[in-house]
C-alpha atoms as a PDB file:
ATOM      1  CA  MET A   1       0.372  -0.493  -0.337  1.00  0.00           C
ATOM      2  CA  LYS A   2       1.485   3.430  -0.789  1.00  0.00           C
ATOM      3  CA  LYS A   3       1.296   5.448   1.274  1.00  0.00           C
ATOM      4  CA  ARG A   4       0.133   9.074   1.062  1.00  0.00           C
ATOM      5  CA  ILE A   5       2.042  12.669   1.384  1.00  0.00           C
ATOM      6  CA  LYS A   6       0.865  15.515   2.277  1.00  0.00           C
ATOM      7  CA  LEU A   7       1.225  18.576  -0.165  1.00  0.00           C
ATOM      8  CA  ASN A   8       3.539  21.225   0.545  1.00  0.00           C
ATOM      9  CA  HIS A   9       2.308  24.414  -0.217  1.00  0.00           C
ATOM     10  CA  TYR A  10       5.666  26.457  -0.300  1.00  0.00           C
ATOM     11  CA  ARG A  11       6.954  24.027  -2.271  1.00  0.00           C
ATOM     12  CA  ASP A  12       4.275  21.502  -4.178  1.00  0.00           C
ATOM     13  CA  LEU A  13       1.895  23.713  -4.983  1.00  0.00           C
ATOM     14  CA  PRO A  14       3.957  26.477  -6.387  1.00  0.00           C
ATOM     15  CA  MET A  15       5.755  23.562  -8.735  1.00  0.00           C
ATOM     16  CA  LEU A  16       2.415  22.055  -9.614  1.00  0.00           C
ATOM     17  CA  LEU A  17       1.271  25.600 -10.509  1.00  0.00           C
ATOM     18  CA  TYR A  18       4.429  25.937 -12.548  1.00  0.00           C
ATOM     19  CA  ILE A  19       3.398  22.703 -14.457  1.00  0.00           C
ATOM     20  CA  TRP A  20      -0.058  23.905 -15.640  1.00  0.00           C
ATOM     21  CA  LYS A  21       1.458  27.049 -16.082  1.00  0.00           C
ATOM     22  CA  TRP A  22       3.653  26.041 -19.111  1.00  0.00           C
ATOM     23  CA  LYS A  23       2.037  22.415 -19.456  1.00  0.00           C
ATOM     24  CA  ILE A  24       5.103  20.147 -19.245  1.00  0.00           C
ATOM     25  CA  ALA A  25       8.443  20.280 -17.295  1.00  0.00           C
ATOM     26  CA  THR A  26      11.772  18.691 -17.332  1.00  0.00           C
ATOM     27  CA  THR A  27      13.005  17.222 -14.537  1.00  0.00           C
ATOM     28  CA  ALA A  28      15.990  19.396 -14.686  1.00  0.00           C
ATOM     29  CA  ALA A  29      13.836  22.411 -14.901  1.00  0.00           C
ATOM     30  CA  LEU A  30      11.945  20.975 -12.126  1.00  0.00           C
ATOM     31  CA  HIS A  31      15.249  20.614  -9.460  1.00  0.00           C
ATOM     32  CA  HIS A  32      16.945  23.969 -10.238  1.00  0.00           C
ATOM     33  CA  LYS A  33      13.673  25.787  -9.905  1.00  0.00           C
ATOM     34  CA  PHE A  34      12.324  24.627  -6.992  1.00  0.00           C
ATOM     35  CA  PHE A  35      15.087  22.264  -5.270  1.00  0.00           C
ATOM     36  CA  PRO A  36      17.738  24.692  -5.701  1.00  0.00           C
ATOM     37  CA  LYS A  37      19.746  24.271  -2.172  1.00  0.00           C
ATOM     38  CA  CYS A  38      18.979  19.916  -2.026  1.00  0.00           C
ATOM     39  CA  ASN A  39      20.846  17.419  -4.357  1.00  0.00           C
ATOM     40  CA  GLU A  40      19.816  15.858  -7.205  1.00  0.00           C
ATOM     41  CA  ARG A  41      18.470  12.869  -5.786  1.00  0.00           C
ATOM     42  CA  THR A  42      15.982  14.639  -3.193  1.00  0.00           C
ATOM     43  CA  GLY A  43      14.373  16.491  -5.774  1.00  0.00           C
ATOM     44  CA  TYR A  44      14.013  13.229  -8.072  1.00  0.00           C
ATOM     45  CA  PHE A  45      12.657  11.172  -4.435  1.00  0.00           C
ATOM     46  CA  ARG A  46      10.115  13.755  -4.326  1.00  0.00           C
ATOM     47  CA  LEU A  47       9.201  13.903  -7.849  1.00  0.00           C
ATOM     48  CA  ASN A  48       8.538  10.279  -7.661  1.00  0.00           C
ATOM     49  CA  ARG A  49       6.748  10.728  -4.313  1.00  0.00           C
ATOM     50  CA  LEU A  50       4.247  13.342  -6.181  1.00  0.00           C
ATOM     51  CA  LYS A  51       3.620  10.460  -9.118  1.00  0.00           C
ATOM     52  CA  LYS A  52       3.004   7.796  -6.791  1.00  0.00           C
ATOM     53  CA  ASN A  53       0.359   9.766  -5.575  1.00  0.00           C
ATOM     54  CA  ASN A  54      -0.907  10.441  -8.315  1.00  0.00           C
ATOM     55  CA  TYR A  55      -0.262  14.548  -8.397  1.00  0.00           C
ATOM     56  CA  ILE A  56       1.921  14.418 -11.878  1.00  0.00           C
ATOM     57  CA  ILE A  57       2.671  11.530 -14.028  1.00  0.00           C
ATOM     58  CA  SER A  58       5.642  11.532 -16.687  1.00  0.00           C
ATOM     59  CA  ARG A  59       5.334  11.144 -20.508  1.00  0.00           C
ATOM     60  CA  THR A  60       7.483  10.958 -23.893  1.00  0.00           C
ATOM     61  CA  ASP A  61       6.688  12.266 -27.193  1.00  0.00           C
ATOM     62  CA  LYS A  62       4.827  10.495 -29.852  1.00  0.00           C
ATOM     63  CA  PHE A  63       8.249   8.437 -30.833  1.00  0.00           C
ATOM     64  CA  GLY A  64       8.956   7.439 -26.575  1.00  0.00           C
ATOM     65  CA  GLN A  65      11.598  10.355 -25.851  1.00  0.00           C
ATOM     66  CA  ARG A  66      12.311  13.103 -23.596  1.00  0.00           C
ATOM     67  CA  PRO A  67      10.377  12.022 -20.594  1.00  0.00           C
ATOM     68  CA  ALA A  68       8.993  15.298 -19.042  1.00  0.00           C
ATOM     69  CA  TRP A  69       6.905  16.274 -16.126  1.00  0.00           C
ATOM     70  CA  MET A  70       2.759  16.745 -16.438  1.00  0.00           C
ATOM     71  CA  LEU A  71       0.001  16.659 -14.842  1.00  0.00           C
ATOM     72  CA  THR A  72      -2.690  14.265 -13.803  1.00  0.00           C
ATOM     73  CA  ARG A  73      -6.298  15.629 -13.638  1.00  0.00           C
ATOM     74  CA  LYS A  74      -6.029  14.821  -9.213  1.00  0.00           C
ATOM     75  CA  GLY A  75      -3.360  17.197  -9.680  1.00  0.00           C
ATOM     76  CA  PHE A  76      -4.677  19.363 -11.716  1.00  0.00           C
ATOM     77  CA  GLU A  77      -7.699  19.682  -8.594  1.00  0.00           C
ATOM     78  CA  VAL A  78      -5.443  20.800  -6.794  1.00  0.00           C
ATOM     79  CA  VAL A  79      -3.616  23.840  -8.603  1.00  0.00           C
ATOM     80  CA  LYS A  80      -7.044  24.614  -9.661  1.00  0.00           C
ATOM     81  CA  ASP A  81      -8.416  27.047  -6.625  1.00  0.00           C
ATOM     82  CA  SER A  82      -5.842  28.805  -6.744  1.00  0.00           C
ATOM     83  CA  LEU A  83      -6.358  29.827 -10.470  1.00  0.00           C
ATOM     84  CA  PRO A  84      -9.408  32.274 -11.740  1.00  0.00           C
ATOM     85  CA  ASP A  85     -12.374  30.975 -12.663  1.00  0.00           C
ATOM     86  CA  LEU A  86     -11.573  29.177 -16.103  1.00  0.00           C
ATOM     87  CA  LYS A  87     -13.096  29.180 -19.286  1.00  0.00           C
ATOM     88  CA  GLU A  88     -11.499  26.030 -21.000  1.00  0.00           C
ATOM     89  CA  LEU A  89     -11.149  23.760 -18.309  1.00  0.00           C
ATOM     90  CA  GLY A  90      -7.437  21.583 -18.845  1.00  0.00           C
ATOM     91  CA  PHE A  91      -4.057  20.979 -17.999  1.00  0.00           C
ATOM     92  CA  ARG A  92      -2.158  18.512 -20.468  1.00  0.00           C
ATOM     93  CA  SER A  93       0.357  18.914 -23.497  1.00  0.00           C
ATOM     94  CA  GLU A  94      -0.912  17.967 -26.628  1.00  0.00           C
ATOM     95  CA  TYR A  95       2.852  18.457 -28.575  1.00  0.00           C
ATOM     96  CA  HIS A  96       5.013  17.739 -26.320  1.00  0.00           C
ATOM     97  CA  TRP A  97       8.190  19.136 -27.777  1.00  0.00           C
ATOM     98  CA  HIS A  98       6.364  22.382 -29.121  1.00  0.00           C
ATOM     99  CA  ASP A  99       5.402  23.033 -25.988  1.00  0.00           C
ATOM    100  CA  LEU A 100       8.798  22.591 -24.301  1.00  0.00           C
ATOM    101  CA  LEU A 101      10.455  24.709 -26.179  1.00  0.00           C
ATOM    102  CA  CYS A 102       8.137  27.150 -25.593  1.00  0.00           C
ATOM    103  CA  SER A 103       9.019  27.274 -22.321  1.00  0.00           C
ATOM    104  CA  ALA A 104      12.461  27.040 -22.663  1.00  0.00           C
ATOM    105  CA  LEU A 105      12.277  30.743 -25.006  1.00  0.00           C
ATOM    106  CA  GLN A 106       9.987  32.478 -23.104  1.00  0.00           C
ATOM    107  CA  GLN A 107      11.565  32.194 -19.321  1.00  0.00           C
ATOM    108  CA  GLY A 108      14.671  32.086 -21.339  1.00  0.00           C
ATOM    109  CA  ASP A 109      17.353  33.452 -18.966  1.00  0.00           C
ATOM    110  CA  TYR A 110      15.182  34.398 -17.021  1.00  0.00           C
ATOM    111  CA  PHE A 111      14.435  30.770 -15.763  1.00  0.00           C
ATOM    112  CA  ILE A 112      15.515  31.496 -12.565  1.00  0.00           C
ATOM    113  CA  ASN A 113      15.462  34.839 -11.290  1.00  0.00           C
ATOM    114  CA  LYS A 114      13.009  37.152 -13.793  1.00  0.00           C
ATOM    115  CA  PRO A 115      12.787  41.314 -13.050  1.00  0.00           C
ATOM    116  CA  LYS A 116       9.936  42.264 -11.549  1.00  0.00           C
ATOM    117  CA  ASN A 117       9.381  44.313 -14.886  1.00  0.00           C
ATOM    118  CA  VAL A 118       9.561  41.419 -16.928  1.00  0.00           C
ATOM    119  CA  ALA A 119       5.710  40.037 -16.996  1.00  0.00           C
ATOM    120  CA  MET A 120       4.974  36.672 -18.645  1.00  0.00           C
ATOM    121  CA  VAL A 121       1.808  34.916 -19.863  1.00  0.00           C
ATOM    122  CA  SER A 122       1.937  31.533 -21.189  1.00  0.00           C
ATOM    123  CA  GLU A 123       0.076  29.782 -24.189  1.00  0.00           C
ATOM    124  CA  GLN A 124      -1.622  27.761 -21.478  1.00  0.00           C
ATOM    125  CA  GLN A 125      -3.094  30.986 -19.733  1.00  0.00           C
ATOM    126  CA  LEU A 126      -4.139  32.339 -22.593  1.00  0.00           C
ATOM    127  CA  ARG A 127      -6.295  29.508 -24.274  1.00  0.00           C
ATOM    128  CA  ARG A 128      -7.941  28.754 -20.717  1.00  0.00           C
ATOM    129  CA  TYR A 129      -7.940  31.953 -18.669  1.00  0.00           C
ATOM    130  CA  ARG A 130     -11.543  34.207 -19.223  1.00  0.00           C
ATOM    131  CA  GLU A 131     -10.111  37.665 -21.503  1.00  0.00           C
ATOM    132  CA  GLU A 132     -10.992  39.345 -18.467  1.00  0.00           C
ATOM    133  CA  ASP A 133      -8.665  38.219 -16.401  1.00  0.00           C
ATOM    134  CA  LEU A 134      -5.727  38.179 -18.438  1.00  0.00           C
ATOM    135  CA  PRO A 135      -3.711  41.363 -18.328  1.00  0.00           C
ATOM    136  CA  ALA A 136      -4.513  44.517 -19.756  1.00  0.00           C
ATOM    137  CA  TRP A 137      -1.579  44.735 -22.467  1.00  0.00           C
ATOM    138  CA  VAL A 138      -2.849  41.327 -23.510  1.00  0.00           C
ATOM    139  CA  PRO A 139      -4.390  41.324 -27.083  1.00  0.00           C
ATOM    140  CA  SER A 140      -7.396  39.166 -27.645  1.00  0.00           C
ATOM    141  CA  PRO A 141      -7.203  35.118 -27.619  1.00  0.00           C
ATOM    142  CA  ASP A 142     -10.015  35.302 -29.515  1.00  0.00           C
ATOM    143  CA  LEU A 143      -8.570  36.943 -32.701  1.00  0.00           C
ATOM    144  CA  HIS A 144      -5.066  35.081 -32.482  1.00  0.00           C
ATOM    145  CA  ARG A 145      -3.132  33.023 -29.743  1.00  0.00           C
ATOM    146  CA  PRO A 146       0.323  33.014 -30.335  1.00  0.00           C
ATOM    147  CA  ASP A 147       2.925  30.328 -28.268  1.00  0.00           C
ATOM    148  CA  GLY A 148       3.158  33.579 -25.596  1.00  0.00           C
ATOM    149  CA  TYR A 149       3.657  37.083 -24.383  1.00  0.00           C
ATOM    150  CA  ILE A 150       6.184  38.538 -23.034  1.00  0.00           C
ATOM    151  CA  ARG A 151       5.817  42.137 -21.584  1.00  0.00           C
ATOM    152  CA  ILE A 152       8.983  44.557 -20.490  1.00  0.00           C
ATOM    153  CA  LYS A 153       8.211  47.869 -18.353  1.00  0.00           C
ATOM    154  CA  ASP A 154      11.062  50.142 -18.863  1.00  0.00           C
ATOM    155  CA  GLY A 155      10.000  53.428 -16.562  1.00  0.00           C
ATOM    156  CA  ASN A 156       7.583  55.446 -18.754  1.00  0.00           C
ATOM    157  CA  ASP A 157       8.021  53.076 -21.808  1.00  0.00           C
ATOM    158  CA  SER A 158       6.949  49.375 -22.494  1.00  0.00           C
ATOM    159  CA  MET A 159       7.468  46.591 -25.354  1.00  0.00           C
ATOM    160  CA  THR A 160       5.153  43.447 -25.287  1.00  0.00           C
ATOM    161  CA  ILE A 161       6.710  40.439 -27.636  1.00  0.00           C
ATOM    162  CA  SER A 162       4.518  38.124 -29.695  1.00  0.00           C
ATOM    163  CA  LEU A 163       6.075  34.330 -28.863  1.00  0.00           C
ATOM    164  CA  GLU A 164       5.426  32.600 -32.326  1.00  0.00           C
ATOM    165  CA  VAL A 165       7.485  29.216 -33.063  1.00  0.00           C
ATOM    166  CA  GLU A 166       7.112  27.103 -35.881  1.00  0.00           C
ATOM    167  CA  LYS A 167       8.230  23.399 -36.462  1.00  0.00           C
ATOM    168  CA  SER A 168       6.911  22.659 -39.135  1.00  0.00           C
ATOM    169  CA  ARG A 169       5.906  24.046 -43.190  1.00  0.00           C
ATOM    170  CA  LYS A 170       2.387  26.340 -42.731  1.00  0.00           C
ATOM    171  CA  ALA A 171       0.772  27.076 -45.821  1.00  0.00           C
ATOM    172  CA  THR A 172       1.503  30.689 -46.876  1.00  0.00           C
ATOM    173  CA  SER A 173      -2.090  31.357 -46.549  1.00  0.00           C
ATOM    174  CA  LYS A 174      -1.642  31.011 -43.183  1.00  0.00           C
ATOM    175  CA  LEU A 175       1.734  33.385 -42.865  1.00  0.00           C
ATOM    176  CA  LEU A 176      -0.154  35.814 -44.786  1.00  0.00           C
ATOM    177  CA  THR A 177      -2.548  36.030 -42.270  1.00  0.00           C
ATOM    178  CA  LEU A 178      -0.572  36.092 -39.228  1.00  0.00           C
ATOM    179  CA  ILE A 179       1.648  39.109 -40.778  1.00  0.00           C
ATOM    180  CA  ASN A 180      -1.841  40.633 -41.290  1.00  0.00           C
ATOM    181  CA  TYR A 181      -3.003  40.013 -38.132  1.00  0.00           C
ATOM    182  CA  TYR A 182       1.057  42.068 -37.061  1.00  0.00           C
ATOM    183  CA  ALA A 183       0.448  45.004 -39.214  1.00  0.00           C
ATOM    184  CA  ASP A 184      -1.878  47.203 -36.983  1.00  0.00           C
ATOM    185  CA  PHE A 185       0.637  46.966 -34.142  1.00  0.00           C
ATOM    186  CA  ASP A 186       2.782  50.208 -33.084  1.00  0.00           C
ATOM    187  CA  ALA A 187       6.803  49.909 -33.446  1.00  0.00           C
ATOM    188  CA  ASN A 188       6.509  49.253 -29.497  1.00  0.00           C
ATOM    189  CA  PHE A 189       5.587  45.479 -30.453  1.00  0.00           C
ATOM    190  CA  ARG A 190       7.589  42.593 -31.696  1.00  0.00           C
ATOM    191  CA  VAL A 191       6.795  39.433 -32.981  1.00  0.00           C
ATOM    192  CA  LEU A 192       9.733  36.480 -31.786  1.00  0.00           C
ATOM    193  CA  TRP A 193       9.518  33.902 -34.157  1.00  0.00           C
ATOM    194  CA  VAL A 194      11.679  30.930 -34.008  1.00  0.00           C
ATOM    195  CA  LEU A 195      11.578  28.896 -37.393  1.00  0.00           C
ATOM    196  CA  ASP A 196      12.973  25.192 -38.070  1.00  0.00           C
ATOM    197  CA  GLY A 197      15.160  25.896 -40.969  1.00  0.00           C
ATOM    198  CA  LYS A 198      16.133  28.818 -43.610  1.00  0.00           C
ATOM    199  CA  GLY A 199      13.208  27.716 -45.509  1.00  0.00           C
ATOM    200  CA  LEU A 200      10.603  28.822 -43.828  1.00  0.00           C
ATOM    201  CA  VAL A 201      12.435  32.522 -43.301  1.00  0.00           C
ATOM    202  CA  GLN A 202      12.899  32.959 -46.980  1.00  0.00           C
ATOM    203  CA  ARG A 203       8.731  31.951 -46.601  1.00  0.00           C
ATOM    204  CA  LEU A 204       8.285  34.386 -43.924  1.00  0.00           C
ATOM    205  CA  GLN A 205       9.784  37.112 -45.527  1.00  0.00           C
ATOM    206  CA  SER A 206       8.476  36.705 -48.743  1.00  0.00           C
ATOM    207  CA  CYS A 207       5.397  37.313 -46.911  1.00  0.00           C
ATOM    208  CA  MET A 208       6.308  40.443 -45.010  1.00  0.00           C
ATOM    209  CA  LYS A 209       7.168  41.885 -48.158  1.00  0.00           C
ATOM    210  CA  LYS A 210       3.944  41.556 -49.792  1.00  0.00           C
ATOM    211  CA  SER A 211       1.691  42.800 -46.617  1.00  0.00           C
ATOM    212  CA  TYR A 212       4.585  45.587 -45.313  1.00  0.00           C
ATOM    213  CA  GLN A 213       2.482  48.483 -43.578  1.00  0.00           C
ATOM    214  CA  GLY A 214       5.258  50.311 -42.915  1.00  0.00           C
ATOM    215  CA  HIS A 215       7.189  49.154 -40.060  1.00  0.00           C
ATOM    216  CA  ASP A 216       9.041  45.891 -39.380  1.00  0.00           C
ATOM    217  CA  ILE A 217       8.466  44.035 -36.034  1.00  0.00           C
ATOM    218  CA  HIS A 218       9.497  41.006 -36.898  1.00  0.00           C
ATOM    219  CA  ASN A 219      12.511  39.240 -35.528  1.00  0.00           C
ATOM    220  CA  ILE A 220      14.068  35.964 -36.885  1.00  0.00           C
ATOM    221  CA  VAL A 221      15.512  33.317 -35.032  1.00  0.00           C
ATOM    222  CA  LEU A 222      16.843  29.335 -36.986  1.00  0.00           C
ATOM    223  CA  LEU A 223      15.404  26.917 -34.554  1.00  0.00           C
ATOM    224  CA  LYS A 224      19.097  25.460 -34.841  1.00  0.00           C
ATOM    225  CA  ASP A 225      20.387  28.439 -33.097  1.00  0.00           C
ATOM    226  CA  PHE A 226      17.893  28.421 -30.913  1.00  0.00           C
ATOM    227  CA  LEU A 227      18.693  24.681 -29.656  1.00  0.00           C
ATOM    228  CA  ASN A 228      22.796  25.623 -29.863  1.00  0.00           C
ATOM    229  CA  LEU A 229      22.776  28.669 -27.887  1.00  0.00           C
ATOM    230  CA  GLY A 230      19.015  29.966 -25.897  1.00  0.00           C
ATOM    231  CA  TRP A 231      19.213  33.256 -26.057  1.00  0.00           C
ATOM    232  CA  GLN A 232      22.693  33.955 -27.033  1.00  0.00           C
ATOM    233  CA  SER A 233      21.511  32.427 -30.428  1.00  0.00           C
ATOM    234  CA  LYS A 234      21.278  35.845 -33.159  1.00  0.00           C
ATOM    235  CA  ILE A 235      18.428  37.530 -34.777  1.00  0.00           C
ATOM    236  CA  ILE A 236      18.861  37.147 -38.201  1.00  0.00           C
ATOM    237  CA  SER A 237      16.239  39.389 -39.504  1.00  0.00           C
ATOM    238  CA  GLY A 238      14.290  41.584 -38.273  1.00  0.00           C
ATOM    239  CA  PRO A 239      14.818  45.472 -36.491  1.00  0.00           C
ATOM    240  CA  GLU A 240      17.199  43.824 -33.696  1.00  0.00           C
ATOM    241  CA  GLU A 241      18.822  42.328 -36.397  1.00  0.00           C
ATOM    242  CA  ASN A 242      22.477  40.554 -35.593  1.00  0.00           C
ATOM    243  CA  GLN A 243      21.933  41.440 -31.475  1.00  0.00           C
ATOM    244  CA  ASN A 244      21.702  38.060 -29.757  1.00  0.00           C
ATOM    245  CA  ILE A 245      17.820  37.029 -28.398  1.00  0.00           C
ATOM    246  CA  GLN A 246      19.061  37.990 -24.419  1.00  0.00           C
ATOM    247  CA  LYS A 247      20.532  41.541 -25.473  1.00  0.00           C
ATOM    248  CA  PHE A 248      17.507  41.892 -27.664  1.00  0.00           C
ATOM    249  CA  ILE A 249      15.188  41.017 -24.299  1.00  0.00           C
ATOM    250  CA  CYS A 250      17.425  42.182 -21.045  1.00  0.00           C
ATOM    251  CA  ASN A 251      18.696  45.600 -22.558  1.00  0.00           C
ATOM    252  CA  LYS A 252      14.951  46.702 -22.575  1.00  0.00           C
ATOM    253  CA  ALA A 253      14.461  45.759 -19.140  1.00  0.00           C
ATOM    254  CA  ARG A 254      17.788  46.489 -18.192  1.00  0.00           C
ATOM    255  CA  THR A 255      18.614  43.233 -16.390  1.00  0.00           C
ATOM    256  CA  PHE A 256      20.769  40.553 -17.426  1.00  0.00           C
ATOM    257  CA  PRO A 257      21.082  37.214 -15.519  1.00  0.00           C
ATOM    258  CA  GLN A 258      23.945  36.165 -13.827  1.00  0.00           C
ATOM    259  CA  GLN A 259      24.296  32.219 -15.102  1.00  0.00           C
ATOM    260  CA  THR A 260      26.985  30.238 -15.720  1.00  0.00           C
ATOM    261  CA  HIS A 261      27.858  28.176 -19.061  1.00  0.00           C
ATOM    262  CA  ASN A 262      27.233  24.775 -17.907  1.00  0.00           C
ATOM    263  CA  THR A 263      23.671  25.938 -16.523  1.00  0.00           C
ATOM    264  CA  CYS A 264      21.779  27.985 -18.937  1.00  0.00           C
ATOM    265  CA  SER A 265      18.497  27.725 -19.589  1.00  0.00           C
ATOM    266  CA  HIS A 266      17.101  26.241 -21.605  1.00  0.00           C
ATOM    267  CA  ASN A 267      20.125  23.398 -21.942  1.00  0.00           C
ATOM    268  CA  VAL A 268      18.050  22.891 -17.956  1.00  0.00           C
ATOM    269  CA  ILE A 269      14.394  23.226 -19.806  1.00  0.00           C
ATOM    270  CA  LEU A 270      14.757  20.683 -22.759  1.00  0.00           C
ATOM    271  CA  ASP A 271      16.928  18.038 -20.532  1.00  0.00           C
ATOM    272  CA  ASN A 272      15.542  15.506 -21.671  1.00  0.00           C
ATOM    273  CA  ARG A 273      16.980  12.572 -18.879  1.00  0.00           C
ATOM    274  CA  LEU A 274      14.092  11.681 -16.378  1.00  0.00           C
ATOM    275  CA  CYS A 275      16.743  11.350 -13.803  1.00  0.00           C
ATOM    276  CA  TYR A 276      20.246  13.043 -13.662  1.00  0.00           C
ATOM    277  CA  GLN A 277      21.888  12.503 -10.483  1.00  0.00           C
ATOM    278  CA  LYS A 278      24.857  10.798 -11.686  1.00  0.00           C
ATOM    279  CA  ASP A 279      25.571  13.692 -14.154  1.00  0.00           C
ATOM    280  CA  LYS A 280      28.473  15.623 -13.400  1.00  0.00           C
ATOM    281  CA  LEU A 281      26.455  18.959 -15.304  1.00  0.00           C
ATOM    282  CA  PHE A 282      23.459  19.204 -12.620  1.00  0.00           C
ATOM    283  CA  SER A 283      25.845  19.637  -9.239  1.00  0.00           C
ATOM    284  CA  ASN A 284      26.290  22.484  -8.092  1.00  0.00           C
ATOM    285  CA  SER A 285      23.052  23.521  -8.511  1.00  0.00           C
ATOM    286  CA  THR A 286      23.339  26.398  -5.869  1.00  0.00           C
ATOM    287  CA  ASN A 287      25.402  28.621  -8.587  1.00  0.00           C
ATOM    288  CA  LEU A 288      21.609  28.938 -10.346  1.00  0.00           C
END
């Protein structure tokens, strides 16, 4: 008979809420985020206890790879009381790898310590929240729901960044619809595209030329660069061309995170090992 556990509202509940917000989370991400002063065995043991008590479950992608944690219905029922009245109930990730990529892109180098002048609204929140419960600066998700938003406040100025991660070929008509949607946004708005392959980049650029509206708000990054470098990857096209993502975002927020090479946030968020306690890469986790 399994031993029931008592949820810790100072760590377990925030951790379950974190998994709900991003739909999915790796063992490495949860360890660095919620067990920073514990050894790897302690964090993994707690996750297994939550799994055995049916609050979370480990799932792989459709190829049986990249194991990560998601909520169960029981886990969702626990966090639901801490959320606004949702317009649509749900908690699962339907697109395992895509959701991990979006999580890594949006949280980036602010994964551990996000500045107070930076706000993030995930795709999960855009999908589930009623519009009146979203921040006033969020465009209506009824018109279009991107992969998340980052909002940076700098004194009286602000910038909203919409995130679009495209891994597969998208019809030109759909790309044109997206470009036309963003055409009404002003110069304090940006779209950060992460695209899989130069062919998709060229098609998007062709659509932008057809729908040119006076100012360019579209920054483009190659997916292969992001996978290698995270927020250090270079913007290859757009108003912040030749800057990397970190410089683009952190310059505006006026806050640069302090991280070491071995603890790059995208590596942690995308780590595909369910248990990594013997790997030296994740020792000395208190450096984060």
